[in-house]
Amino acid sequence: MDIQTSKSKPLLEQALNARALRQDLISGNIANIDTPFYKSKDIDFETMLIQKTKEIYAEGAPSPKLSMAQTDASHLKGYTDFDSSKATLYLRDGHMARNDGNTVDLDIESSELSKNAVMFNALTSALQKNGAIFKSVIEASAKL
């Protein structure tokens, strides 16, 4: 049984998992720096976290999902397999490919790795503070 200490705890846990996945992707990019035709990959999980934040703090408000109008039965149905609750993996565009077709830039990957580590540490710290607050409440109530 997992005790729900706050609304933000599941969000922090998802963000930590996404940051760990991003760390693996960036490390994979760096590991493939000499692989011909390798395209650097990244993950967009911020959009998913924003959506989850809105769901958590909206207190049951309806989802702002817009359904596609279908004016005739012969029209094609809209694409419904897209799940906005999952992070999106994409190839980074805008980087110059080398002569071998590889798009990994060590400077960019190192920078992204550093930014990701700072965010991971901040999330870990926030999760620890969240637990410390809950622990202090339990300890204070035990003294009563």
N, C-alpha and C. Protein backbone atom coordinates (compact mmCIF):
# COMPACT_ATOMS: atom_id res chain seq x y z
N MET A 1 0.84 -1.19 0.00
CA MET A 1 0.00 0.00 0.00
C MET A 1 0.88 1.24 0.00
N ASP A 2 0.64 2.13 -0.93
CA ASP A 2 1.41 3.36 -1.04
C ASP A 2 0.61 4.49 -0.40
N ILE A 3 1.21 5.16 0.56
CA ILE A 3 0.54 6.26 1.25
C ILE A 3 0.66 7.51 0.41
N GLN A 4 -0.45 8.15 0.17
CA GLN A 4 -0.49 9.40 -0.60
C GLN A 4 -0.23 10.57 0.34
N THR A 5 0.98 11.12 0.33
CA THR A 5 1.31 12.21 1.22
C THR A 5 0.90 13.56 0.65
N SER A 6 0.86 13.67 -0.66
CA SER A 6 0.44 14.93 -1.29
C SER A 6 0.05 14.65 -2.74
N LYS A 7 -0.60 15.62 -3.33
CA LYS A 7 -0.99 15.49 -4.74
C LYS A 7 0.24 15.51 -5.65
N SER A 8 1.29 16.17 -5.20
CA SER A 8 2.46 16.33 -6.06
C SER A 8 3.38 15.12 -6.08
N LYS A 9 3.24 14.21 -5.12
CA LYS A 9 4.15 13.06 -5.05
C LYS A 9 4.13 12.21 -6.31
N PRO A 10 2.94 11.80 -6.84
CA PRO A 10 2.96 11.00 -8.07
C PRO A 10 3.57 11.76 -9.26
N LEU A 11 3.35 13.06 -9.29
CA LEU A 11 3.91 13.88 -10.35
C LEU A 11 5.44 13.92 -10.25
N LEU A 12 5.95 14.07 -9.04
CA LEU A 12 7.40 14.07 -8.83
C LEU A 12 8.00 12.73 -9.23
N GLU A 13 7.32 11.64 -8.89
CA GLU A 13 7.82 10.32 -9.25
C GLU A 13 7.84 10.12 -10.76
N GLN A 14 6.80 10.57 -11.46
CA GLN A 14 6.77 10.47 -12.92
C GLN A 14 7.88 11.32 -13.54
N ALA A 15 8.09 12.50 -12.98
CA ALA A 15 9.13 13.38 -13.50
C ALA A 15 10.51 12.75 -13.30
N LEU A 16 10.73 12.10 -12.16
CA LEU A 16 12.01 11.42 -11.92
C LEU A 16 12.21 10.28 -12.92
N ASN A 17 11.18 9.51 -13.16
CA ASN A 17 11.28 8.42 -14.14
C ASN A 17 11.59 8.96 -15.54
N ALA A 18 10.95 10.05 -15.90
CA ALA A 18 11.19 10.65 -17.22
C ALA A 18 12.61 11.19 -17.32
N ARG A 19 13.10 11.80 -16.24
CA ARG A 19 14.48 12.30 -16.24
C ARG A 19 15.49 11.16 -16.34
N ALA A 20 15.19 10.03 -15.69
CA ALA A 20 16.08 8.87 -15.79
C ALA A 20 16.10 8.33 -17.22
N LEU A 21 14.92 8.30 -17.86
CA LEU A 21 14.85 7.87 -19.25
C LEU A 21 15.63 8.83 -20.15
N ARG A 22 15.50 10.12 -19.89
CA ARG A 22 16.24 11.11 -20.70
C ARG A 22 17.74 10.95 -20.52
N GLN A 23 18.17 10.64 -19.30
CA GLN A 23 19.59 10.39 -19.03
C GLN A 23 20.08 9.22 -19.89
N ASP A 24 19.28 8.16 -19.97
CA ASP A 24 19.65 7.00 -20.78
C ASP A 24 19.73 7.36 -22.27
N LEU A 25 18.78 8.16 -22.75
CA LEU A 25 18.79 8.55 -24.16
C LEU A 25 20.01 9.39 -24.50
N ILE A 26 20.32 10.36 -23.65
CA ILE A 26 21.48 11.22 -23.91
C ILE A 26 22.76 10.41 -23.84
N SER A 27 22.84 9.50 -22.87
CA SER A 27 24.02 8.63 -22.77
C SER A 27 24.16 7.76 -24.02
N GLY A 28 23.02 7.28 -24.53
CA GLY A 28 23.03 6.49 -25.76
C GLY A 28 23.49 7.32 -26.95
N ASN A 29 23.08 8.59 -26.99
CA ASN A 29 23.55 9.47 -28.05
C ASN A 29 25.06 9.62 -28.01
N ILE A 30 25.59 9.86 -26.81
CA ILE A 30 27.04 10.03 -26.66
C ILE A 30 27.77 8.74 -27.02
N ALA A 31 27.21 7.60 -26.62
CA ALA A 31 27.84 6.31 -26.93
C ALA A 31 27.88 6.05 -28.44
N ASN A 32 26.93 6.63 -29.18
CA ASN A 32 26.86 6.41 -30.63
C ASN A 32 27.44 7.58 -31.43
N ILE A 33 28.32 8.33 -30.82
CA ILE A 33 28.87 9.52 -31.49
C ILE A 33 29.65 9.16 -32.76
N ASP A 34 30.19 7.96 -32.83
CA ASP A 34 30.96 7.55 -34.02
C ASP A 34 30.21 6.57 -34.90
N THR A 35 28.92 6.36 -34.64
CA THR A 35 28.11 5.44 -35.44
C THR A 35 27.59 6.16 -36.69
N PRO A 36 27.95 5.68 -37.87
CA PRO A 36 27.46 6.34 -39.09
C PRO A 36 25.93 6.34 -39.17
N PHE A 37 25.37 7.45 -39.62
CA PHE A 37 23.93 7.65 -39.84
C PHE A 37 23.10 7.58 -38.56
N TYR A 38 23.72 7.67 -37.41
CA TYR A 38 22.97 7.68 -36.14
C TYR A 38 22.37 9.07 -35.95
N LYS A 39 21.10 9.11 -35.62
CA LYS A 39 20.40 10.38 -35.37
C LYS A 39 20.21 10.53 -33.86
N SER A 40 20.61 11.68 -33.32
CA SER A 40 20.46 11.89 -31.88
C SER A 40 18.99 11.93 -31.50
N LYS A 41 18.66 11.30 -30.37
CA LYS A 41 17.28 11.19 -29.91
C LYS A 41 17.10 12.00 -28.63
N ASP A 42 15.88 12.40 -28.41
CA ASP A 42 15.52 13.08 -27.17
C ASP A 42 14.09 12.72 -26.84
N ILE A 43 13.61 13.18 -25.71
CA ILE A 43 12.27 12.85 -25.26
C ILE A 43 11.58 14.13 -24.79
N ASP A 44 10.32 14.26 -25.16
CA ASP A 44 9.52 15.41 -24.71
C ASP A 44 8.52 14.90 -23.69
N PHE A 45 8.85 15.06 -22.42
CA PHE A 45 7.94 14.63 -21.38
C PHE A 45 7.34 15.82 -20.65
N GLU A 46 7.82 17.01 -20.93
CA GLU A 46 7.28 18.20 -20.27
C GLU A 46 5.80 18.39 -20.60
N THR A 47 5.42 18.13 -21.86
CA THR A 47 4.03 18.26 -22.27
C THR A 47 3.14 17.29 -21.48
N MET A 48 3.62 16.05 -21.33
CA MET A 48 2.88 15.05 -20.57
C MET A 48 2.76 15.46 -19.10
N LEU A 49 3.82 16.01 -18.51
CA LEU A 49 3.77 16.43 -17.12
C LEU A 49 2.84 17.62 -16.92
N ILE A 50 2.80 18.52 -17.88
CA ILE A 50 1.87 19.66 -17.78
C ILE A 50 0.44 19.15 -17.79
N GLN A 51 0.15 18.18 -18.66
CA GLN A 51 -1.19 17.60 -18.73
C GLN A 51 -1.54 16.90 -17.42
N LYS A 52 -0.60 16.13 -16.87
CA LYS A 52 -0.84 15.43 -15.60
C LYS A 52 -1.05 16.43 -14.47
N THR A 53 -0.31 17.52 -14.48
CA THR A 53 -0.47 18.55 -13.45
C THR A 53 -1.87 19.14 -13.51
N LYS A 54 -2.34 19.42 -14.71
CA LYS A 54 -3.69 19.96 -14.87
C LYS A 54 -4.73 18.97 -14.38
N GLU A 55 -4.52 17.67 -14.67
CA GLU A 55 -5.46 16.65 -14.22
C GLU A 55 -5.47 16.55 -12.70
N ILE A 56 -4.31 16.58 -12.07
CA ILE A 56 -4.20 16.42 -10.62
C ILE A 56 -4.83 17.59 -9.88
N TYR A 57 -4.55 18.80 -10.35
CA TYR A 57 -5.00 19.99 -9.63
C TYR A 57 -6.32 20.55 -10.11
N ALA A 58 -6.92 19.95 -11.13
CA ALA A 58 -8.18 20.46 -11.66
C ALA A 58 -9.39 20.00 -10.85
N GLU A 59 -9.19 19.02 -9.96
CA GLU A 59 -10.28 18.52 -9.10
C GLU A 59 -11.48 18.06 -9.91
N GLY A 60 -11.24 17.17 -10.88
CA GLY A 60 -12.35 16.58 -11.61
C GLY A 60 -12.89 17.42 -12.75
N ALA A 61 -12.20 18.46 -13.14
CA ALA A 61 -12.67 19.27 -14.27
C ALA A 61 -12.58 18.44 -15.55
N PRO A 62 -13.45 18.67 -16.50
CA PRO A 62 -13.41 17.88 -17.73
C PRO A 62 -12.12 18.13 -18.51
N SER A 63 -11.68 17.12 -19.21
CA SER A 63 -10.47 17.22 -20.01
C SER A 63 -10.71 18.17 -21.18
N PRO A 64 -9.73 18.99 -21.52
CA PRO A 64 -9.90 19.93 -22.63
C PRO A 64 -9.67 19.27 -23.99
N LYS A 65 -10.01 17.98 -24.10
CA LYS A 65 -9.81 17.25 -25.33
C LYS A 65 -10.88 17.65 -26.34
N LEU A 66 -10.47 18.01 -27.53
CA LEU A 66 -11.38 18.43 -28.58
C LEU A 66 -11.64 17.23 -29.50
N SER A 67 -12.89 16.85 -29.60
CA SER A 67 -13.21 15.72 -30.47
C SER A 67 -13.44 16.22 -31.90
N MET A 68 -13.11 15.37 -32.84
CA MET A 68 -13.21 15.75 -34.24
C MET A 68 -14.66 15.56 -34.73
N ALA A 69 -15.18 16.56 -35.41
CA ALA A 69 -16.54 16.48 -35.94
C ALA A 69 -16.54 15.57 -37.16
N GLN A 70 -17.56 14.76 -37.28
CA GLN A 70 -17.71 13.87 -38.44
C GLN A 70 -19.09 14.13 -39.02
N THR A 71 -19.15 14.84 -40.13
CA THR A 71 -20.43 15.25 -40.70
C THR A 71 -21.05 14.22 -41.63
N ASP A 72 -20.27 13.19 -42.00
CA ASP A 72 -20.79 12.16 -42.89
C ASP A 72 -20.22 10.82 -42.44
N ALA A 73 -21.03 9.78 -42.53
CA ALA A 73 -20.61 8.45 -42.08
C ALA A 73 -19.44 7.90 -42.90
N SER A 74 -19.27 8.39 -44.13
CA SER A 74 -18.18 7.89 -44.97
C SER A 74 -16.84 8.58 -44.70
N HIS A 75 -16.86 9.61 -43.85
CA HIS A 75 -15.60 10.28 -43.50
C HIS A 75 -14.74 9.36 -42.65
N LEU A 76 -13.44 9.54 -42.77
CA LEU A 76 -12.51 8.74 -41.97
C LEU A 76 -12.62 9.15 -40.50
N LYS A 77 -12.43 8.19 -39.64
CA LYS A 77 -12.42 8.46 -38.21
C LYS A 77 -11.11 9.14 -37.85
N GLY A 78 -11.12 9.92 -36.80
CA GLY A 78 -9.90 10.58 -36.33
C GLY A 78 -8.93 9.59 -35.73
N TYR A 79 -7.69 9.96 -35.68
CA TYR A 79 -6.65 9.12 -35.09
C TYR A 79 -6.85 9.09 -33.58
N THR A 80 -7.09 7.93 -33.02
CA THR A 80 -7.41 7.82 -31.59
C THR A 80 -6.35 7.08 -30.79
N ASP A 81 -5.31 6.60 -31.42
CA ASP A 81 -4.29 5.83 -30.71
C ASP A 81 -3.30 6.72 -29.96
N PHE A 82 -3.33 8.02 -30.22
CA PHE A 82 -2.39 8.92 -29.56
C PHE A 82 -2.73 9.02 -28.08
N ASP A 83 -1.74 8.83 -27.23
CA ASP A 83 -1.93 8.91 -25.79
C ASP A 83 -1.08 10.05 -25.27
N SER A 84 -1.72 11.16 -24.90
CA SER A 84 -0.97 12.33 -24.44
C SER A 84 -0.41 12.14 -23.04
N SER A 85 -0.73 11.01 -22.40
CA SER A 85 -0.20 10.77 -21.06
C SER A 85 1.18 10.13 -21.11
N LYS A 86 1.70 9.90 -22.31
CA LYS A 86 3.02 9.29 -22.46
C LYS A 86 3.97 10.29 -23.10
N ALA A 87 5.22 10.16 -22.74
CA ALA A 87 6.23 11.04 -23.31
C ALA A 87 6.46 10.69 -24.78
N THR A 88 6.90 11.66 -25.55
CA THR A 88 7.12 11.48 -26.98
C THR A 88 8.61 11.43 -27.28
N LEU A 89 9.02 10.37 -27.93
CA LEU A 89 10.41 10.22 -28.35
C LEU A 89 10.55 10.83 -29.74
N TYR A 90 11.57 11.62 -29.95
CA TYR A 90 11.75 12.25 -31.25
C TYR A 90 13.22 12.35 -31.59
N LEU A 91 13.49 12.54 -32.88
CA LEU A 91 14.85 12.78 -33.35
C LEU A 91 15.09 14.27 -33.31
N ARG A 92 16.23 14.67 -32.79
CA ARG A 92 16.53 16.10 -32.71
C ARG A 92 16.82 16.64 -34.10
N ASP A 93 16.09 17.67 -34.48
CA ASP A 93 16.32 18.32 -35.77
C ASP A 93 17.16 19.57 -35.55
N GLY A 94 17.64 20.11 -36.62
CA GLY A 94 18.36 21.37 -36.55
C GLY A 94 19.84 21.21 -36.30
N HIS A 95 20.31 19.99 -36.15
CA HIS A 95 21.74 19.77 -35.95
C HIS A 95 22.35 19.38 -37.29
N MET A 96 23.48 19.92 -37.56
CA MET A 96 24.15 19.60 -38.81
C MET A 96 24.69 18.18 -38.74
N ALA A 97 24.36 17.40 -39.74
CA ALA A 97 24.89 16.05 -39.83
C ALA A 97 26.32 16.13 -40.36
N ARG A 98 27.16 15.27 -39.82
CA ARG A 98 28.53 15.19 -40.31
C ARG A 98 28.53 14.45 -41.65
N ASN A 99 29.68 14.30 -42.24
CA ASN A 99 29.78 13.60 -43.53
C ASN A 99 29.27 12.17 -43.45
N ASP A 100 29.36 11.55 -42.28
CA ASP A 100 28.89 10.17 -42.14
C ASP A 100 27.40 10.09 -41.80
N GLY A 101 26.69 11.23 -41.75
CA GLY A 101 25.26 11.26 -41.49
C GLY A 101 24.89 11.28 -40.01
N ASN A 102 25.88 11.27 -39.14
CA ASN A 102 25.63 11.26 -37.69
C ASN A 102 25.30 12.69 -37.25
N THR A 103 24.27 12.84 -36.39
CA THR A 103 23.85 14.18 -35.95
C THR A 103 24.19 14.45 -34.48
N VAL A 104 24.97 13.58 -33.85
CA VAL A 104 25.31 13.78 -32.44
C VAL A 104 26.37 14.86 -32.32
N ASP A 105 26.08 15.88 -31.51
CA ASP A 105 27.01 16.96 -31.22
C ASP A 105 27.39 16.85 -29.74
N LEU A 106 28.65 16.56 -29.46
CA LEU A 106 29.09 16.31 -28.09
C LEU A 106 28.84 17.50 -27.18
N ASP A 107 28.99 18.72 -27.69
CA ASP A 107 28.75 19.90 -26.87
C ASP A 107 27.27 19.98 -26.45
N ILE A 108 26.38 19.74 -27.37
CA ILE A 108 24.94 19.79 -27.06
C ILE A 108 24.57 18.66 -26.12
N GLU A 109 25.07 17.47 -26.37
CA GLU A 109 24.74 16.32 -25.51
C GLU A 109 25.27 16.55 -24.09
N SER A 110 26.47 17.08 -23.96
CA SER A 110 27.03 17.36 -22.63
C SER A 110 26.21 18.40 -21.90
N SER A 111 25.80 19.44 -22.63
CA SER A 111 24.95 20.48 -22.04
C SER A 111 23.61 19.92 -21.58
N GLU A 112 22.97 19.10 -22.42
CA GLU A 112 21.68 18.50 -22.08
C GLU A 112 21.83 17.53 -20.91
N LEU A 113 22.95 16.82 -20.86
CA LEU A 113 23.21 15.89 -19.76
C LEU A 113 23.33 16.65 -18.44
N SER A 114 24.02 17.78 -18.47
CA SER A 114 24.18 18.61 -17.27
C SER A 114 22.84 19.19 -16.82
N LYS A 115 22.06 19.72 -17.76
CA LYS A 115 20.74 20.27 -17.42
C LYS A 115 19.83 19.19 -16.83
N ASN A 116 19.89 18.01 -17.42
CA ASN A 116 19.06 16.92 -16.93
C ASN A 116 19.48 16.50 -15.52
N ALA A 117 20.78 16.48 -15.25
CA ALA A 117 21.27 16.11 -13.91
C ALA A 117 20.82 17.12 -12.86
N VAL A 118 20.85 18.41 -13.21
CA VAL A 118 20.40 19.45 -12.28
C VAL A 118 18.91 19.27 -11.98
N MET A 119 18.11 19.03 -13.01
CA MET A 119 16.68 18.83 -12.81
C MET A 119 16.40 17.56 -12.01
N PHE A 120 17.15 16.50 -12.26
CA PHE A 120 16.98 15.25 -11.51
C PHE A 120 17.28 15.49 -10.03
N ASN A 121 18.37 16.20 -9.75
CA ASN A 121 18.73 16.50 -8.36
C ASN A 121 17.68 17.38 -7.69
N ALA A 122 17.13 18.34 -8.41
CA ALA A 122 16.09 19.21 -7.84
C ALA A 122 14.83 18.40 -7.52
N LEU A 123 14.46 17.50 -8.43
CA LEU A 123 13.28 16.66 -8.19
C LEU A 123 13.50 15.71 -7.01
N THR A 124 14.71 15.16 -6.90
CA THR A 124 15.03 14.28 -5.78
C THR A 124 14.94 15.04 -4.47
N SER A 125 15.47 16.26 -4.47
CA SER A 125 15.41 17.10 -3.28
C SER A 125 13.97 17.43 -2.90
N ALA A 126 13.15 17.74 -3.89
CA ALA A 126 11.74 18.06 -3.62
C ALA A 126 11.02 16.84 -3.05
N LEU A 127 11.31 15.67 -3.57
CA LEU A 127 10.68 14.45 -3.08
C LEU A 127 11.13 14.15 -1.64
N GLN A 128 12.41 14.39 -1.35
CA GLN A 128 12.90 14.18 0.02
C GLN A 128 12.25 15.16 0.99
N LYS A 129 12.10 16.42 0.58
CA LYS A 129 11.44 17.41 1.45
C LYS A 129 9.99 17.03 1.68
N ASN A 130 9.34 16.54 0.65
CA ASN A 130 7.95 16.10 0.76
C ASN A 130 7.85 14.99 1.82
N GLY A 131 8.77 14.05 1.78
CA GLY A 131 8.78 12.96 2.76
C GLY A 131 9.13 13.45 4.15
N ALA A 132 10.05 14.41 4.24
CA ALA A 132 10.45 14.94 5.54
C ALA A 132 9.30 15.68 6.22
N ILE A 133 8.51 16.39 5.45
CA ILE A 133 7.34 17.10 6.01
C ILE A 133 6.35 16.08 6.56
N PHE A 134 6.09 15.04 5.81
CA PHE A 134 5.16 13.99 6.24
C PHE A 134 5.68 13.30 7.50
N LYS A 135 6.97 13.04 7.53
CA LYS A 135 7.59 12.38 8.69
C LYS A 135 7.48 13.26 9.93
N SER A 136 7.72 14.57 9.78
CA SER A 136 7.64 15.46 10.93
C SER A 136 6.22 15.56 11.47
N VAL A 137 5.22 15.48 10.60
CA VAL A 137 3.83 15.50 11.04
C VAL A 137 3.53 14.24 11.86
N ILE A 138 4.00 13.10 11.41
CA ILE A 138 3.79 11.84 12.12
C ILE A 138 4.49 11.88 13.48
N GLU A 139 5.73 12.36 13.49
CA GLU A 139 6.48 12.44 14.76
C GLU A 139 5.81 13.40 15.74
N ALA A 140 5.31 14.53 15.25
CA ALA A 140 4.64 15.51 16.11
C ALA A 140 3.33 14.94 16.67
N SER A 141 2.61 14.18 15.85
CA SER A 141 1.35 13.62 16.34
C SER A 141 1.59 12.47 17.32
N ALA A 142 2.75 11.82 17.24
CA ALA A 142 3.06 10.75 18.17
C ALA A 142 3.36 11.29 19.56
N LYS A 143 3.79 12.54 19.65
CA LYS A 143 4.13 13.16 20.93
C LYS A 143 2.88 13.62 21.68
N LEU A 144 1.77 13.73 20.99
CA LEU A 144 0.54 14.20 21.62
C LEU A 144 -0.04 13.22 22.57
